Amino acid sequence: MYSTTPISAVKGNLVTLQATNPKHFGEDEKPSEGLSKSFGQLLFDSLNEVSSLQNEASQLSVEAIINPDEVAPHDVTIAMAKANMSLSIAKNVMDRVIQGYKDLTNLR
């Protein structure tokens, strides 16, 4: 039923794995610059990106009203959709962070 061969007697081929993604790194390699940022810094960078998308959508909509020949309507629609989606994602992430913090404080 079971083999009586000791584990040290089992031999096989070693397969070396190669990193195909530049974000993958080994112990001797340094991580990329984006991986060394703190969670807070990543959160603030993301919020700044959301803010810039909101400002871009607002600016495009004002420009479309002032000078409609220069701005295509679908550009305004796409910018507003991007801004709306980024704000929705940011709100969900912040809600999850706050809920996680509340859960941690309730565990004490």
N, C-alpha and C. Protein backbone atom coordinates (compact mmCIF):
# COMPACT_ATOMS: atom_id res chain seq x y z
N MET A 1 0.81 -1.17 0.00
CA MET A 1 0.00 0.00 0.00
C MET A 1 0.87 1.26 0.00
N TYR A 2 1.65 1.49 1.04
CA TYR A 2 2.54 2.64 1.09
C TYR A 2 3.95 2.19 0.77
N SER A 3 4.70 3.08 0.13
CA SER A 3 6.08 2.77 -0.23
C SER A 3 6.96 2.92 1.01
N THR A 4 7.93 2.05 1.13
CA THR A 4 8.86 2.12 2.25
C THR A 4 10.13 2.86 1.88
N THR A 5 10.16 3.46 0.70
CA THR A 5 11.33 4.21 0.26
C THR A 5 11.43 5.49 1.08
N PRO A 6 12.60 5.76 1.66
CA PRO A 6 12.74 7.00 2.42
C PRO A 6 12.64 8.22 1.49
N ILE A 7 12.23 9.32 2.06
CA ILE A 7 12.05 10.54 1.28
C ILE A 7 13.36 11.01 0.67
N SER A 8 14.47 10.81 1.35
CA SER A 8 15.76 11.25 0.82
C SER A 8 16.14 10.49 -0.43
N ALA A 9 15.57 9.33 -0.68
CA ALA A 9 15.89 8.55 -1.86
C ALA A 9 15.11 9.02 -3.09
N VAL A 10 14.08 9.84 -2.90
CA VAL A 10 13.29 10.32 -4.03
C VAL A 10 14.07 11.41 -4.74
N LYS A 11 14.20 11.28 -6.04
CA LYS A 11 14.94 12.26 -6.83
C LYS A 11 14.06 12.71 -7.97
N GLY A 12 14.26 13.93 -8.40
CA GLY A 12 13.48 14.45 -9.52
C GLY A 12 14.22 15.61 -10.17
N ASN A 13 13.63 16.16 -11.16
CA ASN A 13 14.23 17.29 -11.86
C ASN A 13 13.86 18.59 -11.15
N LEU A 14 14.82 19.47 -11.09
CA LEU A 14 14.57 20.79 -10.55
C LEU A 14 14.20 21.71 -11.70
N VAL A 15 13.17 22.45 -11.55
CA VAL A 15 12.73 23.37 -12.59
C VAL A 15 12.95 24.78 -12.07
N THR A 16 13.68 25.57 -12.82
CA THR A 16 13.89 26.96 -12.43
C THR A 16 12.78 27.80 -13.05
N LEU A 17 12.21 28.66 -12.23
CA LEU A 17 11.16 29.54 -12.70
C LEU A 17 11.77 30.87 -13.11
N GLN A 18 11.33 31.39 -14.21
CA GLN A 18 11.82 32.66 -14.69
C GLN A 18 10.72 33.71 -14.52
N ALA A 19 11.13 34.88 -14.12
CA ALA A 19 10.17 35.98 -13.96
C ALA A 19 9.81 36.52 -15.34
N THR A 20 8.56 36.51 -15.66
CA THR A 20 8.12 37.05 -16.95
C THR A 20 7.57 38.45 -16.80
N ASN A 21 7.28 38.84 -15.60
CA ASN A 21 6.75 40.16 -15.33
C ASN A 21 7.84 40.96 -14.63
N PRO A 22 8.12 42.19 -15.06
CA PRO A 22 9.17 42.97 -14.39
C PRO A 22 8.87 43.29 -12.93
N LYS A 23 7.62 43.13 -12.51
CA LYS A 23 7.29 43.38 -11.10
C LYS A 23 7.70 42.20 -10.22
N HIS A 24 7.96 41.05 -10.81
CA HIS A 24 8.42 39.90 -10.04
C HIS A 24 9.91 40.08 -9.80
N PHE A 25 10.37 39.80 -8.62
CA PHE A 25 11.78 39.95 -8.31
C PHE A 25 12.21 38.88 -7.34
N GLY A 26 13.50 38.57 -7.38
CA GLY A 26 14.07 37.58 -6.48
C GLY A 26 14.64 38.23 -5.25
N GLU A 27 15.29 37.44 -4.42
CA GLU A 27 15.84 37.96 -3.17
C GLU A 27 17.02 38.89 -3.41
N ASP A 28 17.81 38.62 -4.45
CA ASP A 28 18.99 39.43 -4.69
C ASP A 28 18.69 40.69 -5.50
N GLU A 29 17.50 40.78 -6.08
CA GLU A 29 17.14 41.95 -6.86
C GLU A 29 16.36 42.93 -5.99
N LYS A 30 16.46 44.21 -6.34
CA LYS A 30 15.74 45.24 -5.61
C LYS A 30 14.33 45.37 -6.18
N PRO A 31 13.35 45.63 -5.33
CA PRO A 31 12.00 45.84 -5.85
C PRO A 31 11.93 47.16 -6.61
N SER A 32 10.94 47.28 -7.47
CA SER A 32 10.78 48.52 -8.22
C SER A 32 10.36 49.64 -7.28
N GLU A 33 10.44 50.86 -7.77
CA GLU A 33 10.17 52.03 -6.93
C GLU A 33 8.74 52.03 -6.40
N GLY A 34 7.77 51.59 -7.20
CA GLY A 34 6.37 51.62 -6.78
C GLY A 34 6.08 50.69 -5.62
N LEU A 35 6.87 49.64 -5.45
CA LEU A 35 6.61 48.68 -4.38
C LEU A 35 7.15 49.15 -3.03
N SER A 36 8.01 50.15 -3.02
CA SER A 36 8.59 50.60 -1.76
C SER A 36 7.77 51.70 -1.09
N LYS A 37 6.66 52.11 -1.71
CA LYS A 37 5.82 53.14 -1.12
C LYS A 37 4.97 52.55 -0.01
N SER A 38 4.64 53.38 0.95
CA SER A 38 3.79 52.93 2.05
C SER A 38 2.32 52.92 1.59
N PHE A 39 1.49 52.26 2.38
CA PHE A 39 0.06 52.20 2.05
C PHE A 39 -0.55 53.59 2.04
N GLY A 40 -0.16 54.41 2.99
CA GLY A 40 -0.69 55.77 3.05
C GLY A 40 -0.31 56.59 1.83
N GLN A 41 0.93 56.44 1.39
CA GLN A 41 1.38 57.19 0.21
C GLN A 41 0.63 56.71 -1.04
N LEU A 42 0.43 55.41 -1.16
CA LEU A 42 -0.33 54.88 -2.30
C LEU A 42 -1.78 55.38 -2.27
N LEU A 43 -2.34 55.46 -1.07
CA LEU A 43 -3.71 55.94 -0.92
C LEU A 43 -3.82 57.41 -1.32
N PHE A 44 -2.87 58.23 -0.87
CA PHE A 44 -2.89 59.64 -1.24
C PHE A 44 -2.64 59.84 -2.73
N ASP A 45 -1.77 59.05 -3.32
CA ASP A 45 -1.53 59.14 -4.77
C ASP A 45 -2.80 58.79 -5.54
N SER A 46 -3.50 57.78 -5.07
CA SER A 46 -4.75 57.38 -5.73
C SER A 46 -5.81 58.47 -5.60
N LEU A 47 -5.89 59.09 -4.44
CA LEU A 47 -6.86 60.17 -4.25
C LEU A 47 -6.51 61.38 -5.11
N ASN A 48 -5.23 61.65 -5.28
CA ASN A 48 -4.82 62.73 -6.17
C ASN A 48 -5.19 62.42 -7.62
N GLU A 49 -5.07 61.17 -8.02
CA GLU A 49 -5.46 60.76 -9.36
C GLU A 49 -6.97 60.91 -9.56
N VAL A 50 -7.76 60.55 -8.55
CA VAL A 50 -9.21 60.73 -8.62
C VAL A 50 -9.55 62.21 -8.75
N SER A 51 -8.87 63.03 -7.98
CA SER A 51 -9.11 64.47 -8.04
C SER A 51 -8.76 65.03 -9.41
N SER A 52 -7.66 64.58 -9.99
CA SER A 52 -7.28 65.09 -11.31
C SER A 52 -8.27 64.64 -12.38
N LEU A 53 -8.81 63.42 -12.27
CA LEU A 53 -9.83 62.98 -13.22
C LEU A 53 -11.11 63.80 -13.08
N GLN A 54 -11.48 64.14 -11.83
CA GLN A 54 -12.65 64.97 -11.60
C GLN A 54 -12.46 66.36 -12.20
N ASN A 55 -11.27 66.94 -11.99
CA ASN A 55 -10.97 68.26 -12.54
C ASN A 55 -10.96 68.25 -14.06
N GLU A 56 -10.41 67.20 -14.65
CA GLU A 56 -10.37 67.09 -16.11
C GLU A 56 -11.77 67.01 -16.69
N ALA A 57 -12.65 66.22 -16.08
CA ALA A 57 -14.03 66.11 -16.56
C ALA A 57 -14.76 67.44 -16.43
N SER A 58 -14.55 68.11 -15.32
CA SER A 58 -15.18 69.41 -15.12
C SER A 58 -14.68 70.43 -16.14
N GLN A 59 -13.38 70.44 -16.36
CA GLN A 59 -12.79 71.37 -17.32
C GLN A 59 -13.29 71.10 -18.74
N LEU A 60 -13.39 69.83 -19.12
CA LEU A 60 -13.89 69.48 -20.45
C LEU A 60 -15.35 69.88 -20.62
N SER A 61 -16.16 69.70 -19.58
CA SER A 61 -17.57 70.06 -19.70
C SER A 61 -17.75 71.57 -19.81
N VAL A 62 -16.95 72.34 -19.09
CA VAL A 62 -17.01 73.80 -19.19
C VAL A 62 -16.54 74.24 -20.57
N GLU A 63 -15.49 73.62 -21.06
CA GLU A 63 -14.97 73.97 -22.39
C GLU A 63 -15.96 73.60 -23.49
N ALA A 64 -16.69 72.50 -23.29
CA ALA A 64 -17.70 72.10 -24.27
C ALA A 64 -18.85 73.11 -24.32
N ILE A 65 -19.16 73.73 -23.20
CA ILE A 65 -20.23 74.74 -23.17
C ILE A 65 -19.74 76.04 -23.79
N ILE A 66 -18.51 76.43 -23.46
CA ILE A 66 -17.98 77.71 -23.95
C ILE A 66 -17.66 77.63 -25.44
N ASN A 67 -17.00 76.55 -25.86
CA ASN A 67 -16.59 76.41 -27.25
C ASN A 67 -16.93 75.00 -27.74
N PRO A 68 -18.16 74.76 -28.15
CA PRO A 68 -18.59 73.40 -28.50
C PRO A 68 -17.90 72.82 -29.75
N ASP A 69 -17.34 73.67 -30.60
CA ASP A 69 -16.69 73.16 -31.81
C ASP A 69 -15.33 72.54 -31.52
N GLU A 70 -14.72 72.89 -30.41
CA GLU A 70 -13.39 72.40 -30.07
C GLU A 70 -13.39 71.07 -29.32
N VAL A 71 -14.48 70.76 -28.65
CA VAL A 71 -14.54 69.57 -27.81
C VAL A 71 -15.61 68.63 -28.34
N ALA A 72 -15.22 67.38 -28.56
CA ALA A 72 -16.19 66.38 -29.01
C ALA A 72 -17.04 65.92 -27.83
N PRO A 73 -18.32 65.70 -28.06
CA PRO A 73 -19.21 65.27 -26.95
C PRO A 73 -18.80 63.93 -26.34
N HIS A 74 -18.29 63.03 -27.17
CA HIS A 74 -17.90 61.73 -26.60
C HIS A 74 -16.68 61.83 -25.70
N ASP A 75 -15.81 62.82 -25.93
CA ASP A 75 -14.67 63.04 -25.03
C ASP A 75 -15.15 63.47 -23.64
N VAL A 76 -16.18 64.33 -23.62
CA VAL A 76 -16.74 64.76 -22.35
C VAL A 76 -17.40 63.59 -21.64
N THR A 77 -18.13 62.77 -22.40
CA THR A 77 -18.80 61.62 -21.81
C THR A 77 -17.81 60.62 -21.25
N ILE A 78 -16.73 60.36 -21.98
CA ILE A 78 -15.71 59.42 -21.51
C ILE A 78 -15.01 59.96 -20.27
N ALA A 79 -14.67 61.24 -20.26
CA ALA A 79 -14.01 61.84 -19.10
C ALA A 79 -14.91 61.79 -17.87
N MET A 80 -16.20 62.03 -18.06
CA MET A 80 -17.13 61.98 -16.93
C MET A 80 -17.31 60.55 -16.43
N ALA A 81 -17.33 59.59 -17.35
CA ALA A 81 -17.46 58.19 -16.93
C ALA A 81 -16.22 57.74 -16.15
N LYS A 82 -15.03 58.15 -16.61
CA LYS A 82 -13.80 57.82 -15.89
C LYS A 82 -13.80 58.44 -14.50
N ALA A 83 -14.21 59.70 -14.42
CA ALA A 83 -14.24 60.39 -13.13
C ALA A 83 -15.25 59.74 -12.19
N ASN A 84 -16.41 59.37 -12.71
CA ASN A 84 -17.44 58.73 -11.89
C ASN A 84 -16.97 57.37 -11.39
N MET A 85 -16.36 56.58 -12.27
CA MET A 85 -15.90 55.26 -11.86
C MET A 85 -14.77 55.35 -10.85
N SER A 86 -13.82 56.27 -11.07
CA SER A 86 -12.72 56.39 -10.12
C SER A 86 -13.21 56.86 -8.75
N LEU A 87 -14.19 57.75 -8.73
CA LEU A 87 -14.75 58.20 -7.46
C LEU A 87 -15.49 57.07 -6.76
N SER A 88 -16.20 56.26 -7.51
CA SER A 88 -16.92 55.12 -6.94
C SER A 88 -15.95 54.10 -6.34
N ILE A 89 -14.89 53.81 -7.06
CA ILE A 89 -13.88 52.87 -6.56
C ILE A 89 -13.21 53.42 -5.31
N ALA A 90 -12.86 54.72 -5.34
CA ALA A 90 -12.21 55.33 -4.18
C ALA A 90 -13.13 55.30 -2.96
N LYS A 91 -14.42 55.55 -3.18
CA LYS A 91 -15.38 55.50 -2.08
C LYS A 91 -15.46 54.09 -1.50
N ASN A 92 -15.51 53.09 -2.36
CA ASN A 92 -15.57 51.71 -1.89
C ASN A 92 -14.31 51.32 -1.12
N VAL A 93 -13.15 51.74 -1.61
CA VAL A 93 -11.89 51.42 -0.92
C VAL A 93 -11.86 52.10 0.44
N MET A 94 -12.25 53.36 0.50
CA MET A 94 -12.25 54.06 1.78
C MET A 94 -13.25 53.44 2.76
N ASP A 95 -14.41 53.03 2.25
CA ASP A 95 -15.38 52.37 3.13
C ASP A 95 -14.81 51.07 3.69
N ARG A 96 -14.09 50.32 2.86
CA ARG A 96 -13.48 49.06 3.32
C ARG A 96 -12.37 49.32 4.34
N VAL A 97 -11.58 50.37 4.11
CA VAL A 97 -10.51 50.70 5.06
C VAL A 97 -11.11 51.10 6.40
N ILE A 98 -12.15 51.92 6.37
CA ILE A 98 -12.79 52.36 7.61
C ILE A 98 -13.43 51.17 8.33
N GLN A 99 -14.08 50.29 7.56
CA GLN A 99 -14.69 49.11 8.17
C GLN A 99 -13.63 48.20 8.78
N GLY A 100 -12.49 48.05 8.09
CA GLY A 100 -11.39 47.25 8.64
C GLY A 100 -10.85 47.84 9.92
N TYR A 101 -10.71 49.17 9.96
CA TYR A 101 -10.24 49.84 11.17
C TYR A 101 -11.23 49.63 12.31
N LYS A 102 -12.52 49.75 12.02
CA LYS A 102 -13.54 49.54 13.06
C LYS A 102 -13.51 48.10 13.56
N ASP A 103 -13.32 47.16 12.64
CA ASP A 103 -13.23 45.75 13.05
C ASP A 103 -12.03 45.51 13.95
N LEU A 104 -10.90 46.14 13.61
CA LEU A 104 -9.69 45.97 14.45
C LEU A 104 -9.87 46.58 15.83
N THR A 105 -10.52 47.74 15.89
CA THR A 105 -10.71 48.36 17.20
C THR A 105 -11.72 47.60 18.04
N ASN A 106 -12.67 46.92 17.40
CA ASN A 106 -13.65 46.13 18.15
C ASN A 106 -13.05 44.83 18.68
N LEU A 107 -11.95 44.37 18.10
CA LEU A 107 -11.32 43.14 18.56
C LEU A 107 -10.60 43.35 19.89
N ARG A 108 -10.22 44.55 20.21
CA ARG A 108 -9.48 44.82 21.43
C ARG A 108 -10.33 44.69 22.58
